Amino acid sequence: MKEFLENLPVNHWLSYTLFFLTIFAIIYNFKFFFSREGRD
């Protein structure tokens, strides 16, 4: 785990992948929150 955290700023592909997954999760959660199914 320590090596993973030390290599995170260097490993650009992993940083970009985690960034896009985070953005996708945030957009999905907002979409679900404001949808009709989320209000039940």
PDB file of N, CA and C in Angstrom:
ATOM      1  N   MET A   1       0.829  -1.196   0.000  1.00  0.00           N
ATOM      2  CA  MET A   1       0.000   0.000   0.000  1.00  0.00           C
ATOM      3  C   MET A   1       0.871   1.256   0.000  1.00  0.00           C
ATOM      4  N   LYS A   2       2.019   1.184   0.703  1.00  0.00           N
ATOM      5  CA  LYS A   2       2.901   2.345   0.762  1.00  0.00           C
ATOM      6  C   LYS A   2       3.474   2.667  -0.619  1.00  0.00           C
ATOM      7  N   GLU A   3       3.874   1.632  -1.363  1.00  0.00           N
ATOM      8  CA  GLU A   3       4.401   1.864  -2.709  1.00  0.00           C
ATOM      9  C   GLU A   3       3.329   2.447  -3.623  1.00  0.00           C
ATOM     10  N   PHE A   4       2.095   2.000  -3.460  1.00  0.00           N
ATOM     11  CA  PHE A   4       0.988   2.516  -4.271  1.00  0.00           C
ATOM     12  C   PHE A   4       0.808   4.012  -4.038  1.00  0.00           C
ATOM     13  N   LEU A   5       0.831   4.447  -2.789  1.00  0.00           N
ATOM     14  CA  LEU A   5       0.641   5.861  -2.475  1.00  0.00           C
ATOM     15  C   LEU A   5       1.846   6.699  -2.885  1.00  0.00           C
ATOM     16  N   GLU A   6       3.045   6.106  -2.830  1.00  0.00           N
ATOM     17  CA  GLU A   6       4.231   6.857  -3.252  1.00  0.00           C
ATOM     18  C   GLU A   6       4.284   7.011  -4.764  1.00  0.00           C
ATOM     19  N   ASN A   7       3.784   6.031  -5.522  1.00  0.00           N
ATOM     20  CA  ASN A   7       3.819   6.092  -6.980  1.00  0.00           C
ATOM     21  C   ASN A   7       2.607   6.792  -7.572  1.00  0.00           C
ATOM     22  N   LEU A   8       1.629   7.140  -6.767  1.00  0.00           N
ATOM     23  CA  LEU A   8       0.403   7.736  -7.293  1.00  0.00           C
ATOM     24  C   LEU A   8       0.640   9.061  -8.014  1.00  0.00           C
ATOM     25  N   PRO A   9       1.428   9.996  -7.476  1.00  0.00           N
ATOM     26  CA  PRO A   9       1.654  11.237  -8.233  1.00  0.00           C
ATOM     27  C   PRO A   9       2.457  11.013  -9.519  1.00  0.00           C
ATOM     28  N   VAL A  10       3.239   9.929  -9.583  1.00  0.00           N
ATOM     29  CA  VAL A  10       4.082   9.666 -10.751  1.00  0.00           C
ATOM     30  C   VAL A  10       3.299   8.938 -11.831  1.00  0.00           C
ATOM     31  N   ASN A  11       2.403   8.055 -11.417  1.00  0.00           N
ATOM     32  CA  ASN A  11       1.665   7.228 -12.367  1.00  0.00           C
ATOM     33  C   ASN A  11       0.478   8.036 -12.910  1.00  0.00           C
ATOM     34  N   HIS A  12       0.678   8.650 -14.076  1.00  0.00           N
ATOM     35  CA  HIS A  12      -0.346   9.545 -14.613  1.00  0.00           C
ATOM     36  C   HIS A  12      -1.571   8.783 -15.095  1.00  0.00           C
ATOM     37  N   TRP A  13      -1.389   7.602 -15.654  1.00  0.00           N
ATOM     38  CA  TRP A  13      -2.546   6.844 -16.148  1.00  0.00           C
ATOM     39  C   TRP A  13      -3.482   6.484 -15.006  1.00  0.00           C
ATOM     40  N   LEU A  14      -2.921   6.085 -13.886  1.00  0.00           N
ATOM     41  CA  LEU A  14      -3.752   5.739 -12.736  1.00  0.00           C
ATOM     42  C   LEU A  14      -4.452   6.975 -12.183  1.00  0.00           C
ATOM     43  N   SER A  15      -3.754   8.098 -12.167  1.00  0.00           N
ATOM     44  CA  SER A  15      -4.368   9.342 -11.686  1.00  0.00           C
ATOM     45  C   SER A  15      -5.529   9.755 -12.577  1.00  0.00           C
ATOM     46  N   TYR A  16      -5.323   9.682 -13.907  1.00  0.00           N
ATOM     47  CA  TYR A  16      -6.395  10.051 -14.826  1.00  0.00           C
ATOM     48  C   TYR A  16      -7.579   9.092 -14.710  1.00  0.00           C
ATOM     49  N   THR A  17      -7.297   7.805 -14.563  1.00  0.00           N
ATOM     50  CA  THR A  17      -8.378   6.821 -14.443  1.00  0.00           C
ATOM     51  C   THR A  17      -9.195   7.072 -13.186  1.00  0.00           C
ATOM     52  N   LEU A  18      -8.529   7.286 -12.070  1.00  0.00           N
ATOM     53  CA  LEU A  18      -9.248   7.562 -10.827  1.00  0.00           C
ATOM     54  C   LEU A  18     -10.012   8.879 -10.916  1.00  0.00           C
ATOM     55  N   PHE A  19      -9.447   9.879 -11.594  1.00  0.00           N
ATOM     56  CA  PHE A  19     -10.120  11.159 -11.760  1.00  0.00           C
ATOM     57  C   PHE A  19     -11.411  10.998 -12.550  1.00  0.00           C
ATOM     58  N   PHE A  20     -11.339  10.290 -13.682  1.00  0.00           N
ATOM     59  CA  PHE A  20     -12.537  10.120 -14.501  1.00  0.00           C
ATOM     60  C   PHE A  20     -13.573   9.233 -13.817  1.00  0.00           C
ATOM     61  N   LEU A  21     -13.140   8.225 -13.085  1.00  0.00           N
ATOM     62  CA  LEU A  21     -14.098   7.399 -12.340  1.00  0.00           C
ATOM     63  C   LEU A  21     -14.795   8.218 -11.260  1.00  0.00           C
ATOM     64  N   THR A  22     -14.056   9.108 -10.613  1.00  0.00           N
ATOM     65  CA  THR A  22     -14.656   9.963  -9.587  1.00  0.00           C
ATOM     66  C   THR A  22     -15.667  10.925 -10.200  1.00  0.00           C
ATOM     67  N   ILE A  23     -15.306  11.540 -11.326  1.00  0.00           N
ATOM     68  CA  ILE A  23     -16.232  12.452 -11.995  1.00  0.00           C
ATOM     69  C   ILE A  23     -17.482  11.707 -12.448  1.00  0.00           C
ATOM     70  N   PHE A  24     -17.303  10.502 -12.995  1.00  0.00           N
ATOM     71  CA  PHE A  24     -18.446   9.706 -13.430  1.00  0.00           C
ATOM     72  C   PHE A  24     -19.349   9.363 -12.253  1.00  0.00           C
ATOM     73  N   ALA A  25     -18.765   8.992 -11.120  1.00  0.00           N
ATOM     74  CA  ALA A  25     -19.559   8.636  -9.942  1.00  0.00           C
ATOM     75  C   ALA A  25     -20.333   9.847  -9.423  1.00  0.00           C
ATOM     76  N   ILE A  26     -19.714  11.012  -9.428  1.00  0.00           N
ATOM     77  CA  ILE A  26     -20.397  12.226  -8.957  1.00  0.00           C
ATOM     78  C   ILE A  26     -21.563  12.579  -9.877  1.00  0.00           C
ATOM     79  N   ILE A  27     -21.338  12.511 -11.193  1.00  0.00           N
ATOM     80  CA  ILE A  27     -22.407  12.821 -12.150  1.00  0.00           C
ATOM     81  C   ILE A  27     -23.545  11.810 -12.019  1.00  0.00           C
ATOM     82  N   TYR A  28     -23.202  10.531 -11.868  1.00  0.00           N
ATOM     83  CA  TYR A  28     -24.229   9.501 -11.728  1.00  0.00           C
ATOM     84  C   TYR A  28     -25.053   9.728 -10.462  1.00  0.00           C
ATOM     85  N   ASN A  29     -24.390  10.080  -9.378  1.00  0.00           N
ATOM     86  CA  ASN A  29     -25.117  10.302  -8.125  1.00  0.00           C
ATOM     87  C   ASN A  29     -26.026  11.517  -8.213  1.00  0.00           C
ATOM     88  N   PHE A  30     -25.569  12.597  -8.842  1.00  0.00           N
ATOM     89  CA  PHE A  30     -26.436  13.763  -9.027  1.00  0.00           C
ATOM     90  C   PHE A  30     -27.628  13.420  -9.916  1.00  0.00           C
ATOM     91  N   LYS A  31     -27.378  12.664 -10.970  1.00  0.00           N
ATOM     92  CA  LYS A  31     -28.460  12.282 -11.875  1.00  0.00           C
ATOM     93  C   LYS A  31     -29.487  11.425 -11.152  1.00  0.00           C
ATOM     94  N   PHE A  32     -29.027  10.484 -10.332  1.00  0.00           N
ATOM     95  CA  PHE A  32     -29.953   9.645  -9.585  1.00  0.00           C
ATOM     96  C   PHE A  32     -30.693  10.457  -8.527  1.00  0.00           C
ATOM     97  N   PHE A  33     -30.009  11.401  -7.903  1.00  0.00           N
ATOM     98  CA  PHE A  33     -30.626  12.195  -6.846  1.00  0.00           C
ATOM     99  C   PHE A  33     -31.774  13.035  -7.386  1.00  0.00           C
ATOM    100  N   PHE A  34     -31.625  13.570  -8.589  1.00  0.00           N
ATOM    101  CA  PHE A  34     -32.656  14.421  -9.154  1.00  0.00           C
ATOM    102  C   PHE A  34     -33.644  13.663 -10.044  1.00  0.00           C
ATOM    103  N   SER A  35     -33.460  12.352 -10.181  1.00  0.00           N
ATOM    104  CA  SER A  35     -34.381  11.587 -11.012  1.00  0.00           C
ATOM    105  C   SER A  35     -35.630  11.212 -10.221  1.00  0.00           C
ATOM    106  N   ARG A  36     -36.571  10.637 -10.886  1.00  0.00           N
ATOM    107  CA  ARG A  36     -37.823  10.252 -10.249  1.00  0.00           C
ATOM    108  C   ARG A  36     -37.639   9.083  -9.289  1.00  0.00           C
ATOM    109  N   GLU A  37     -36.715   8.163  -9.610  1.00  0.00           N
ATOM    110  CA  GLU A  37     -36.488   7.020  -8.719  1.00  0.00           C
ATOM    111  C   GLU A  37     -35.805   7.444  -7.412  1.00  0.00           C
ATOM    112  N   GLY A  38     -35.010   8.505  -7.470  1.00  0.00           N
ATOM    113  CA  GLY A  38     -34.292   8.945  -6.285  1.00  0.00           C
ATOM    114  C   GLY A  38     -35.191   9.633  -5.261  1.00  0.00           C
ATOM    115  N   ARG A  39     -36.365  10.085  -5.664  1.00  0.00           N
ATOM    116  CA  ARG A  39     -37.255  10.785  -4.744  1.00  0.00           C
ATOM    117  C   ARG A  39     -38.154   9.844  -3.945  1.00  0.00           C
ATOM    118  N   ASP A  40     -38.186   8.581  -4.300  1.00  0.00           N
ATOM    119  CA  ASP A  40     -39.070   7.647  -3.561  1.00  0.00           C
ATOM    120  C   ASP A  40     -38.627   7.427  -2.149  1.00  0.00           C
TER     121      ASP A  40
END
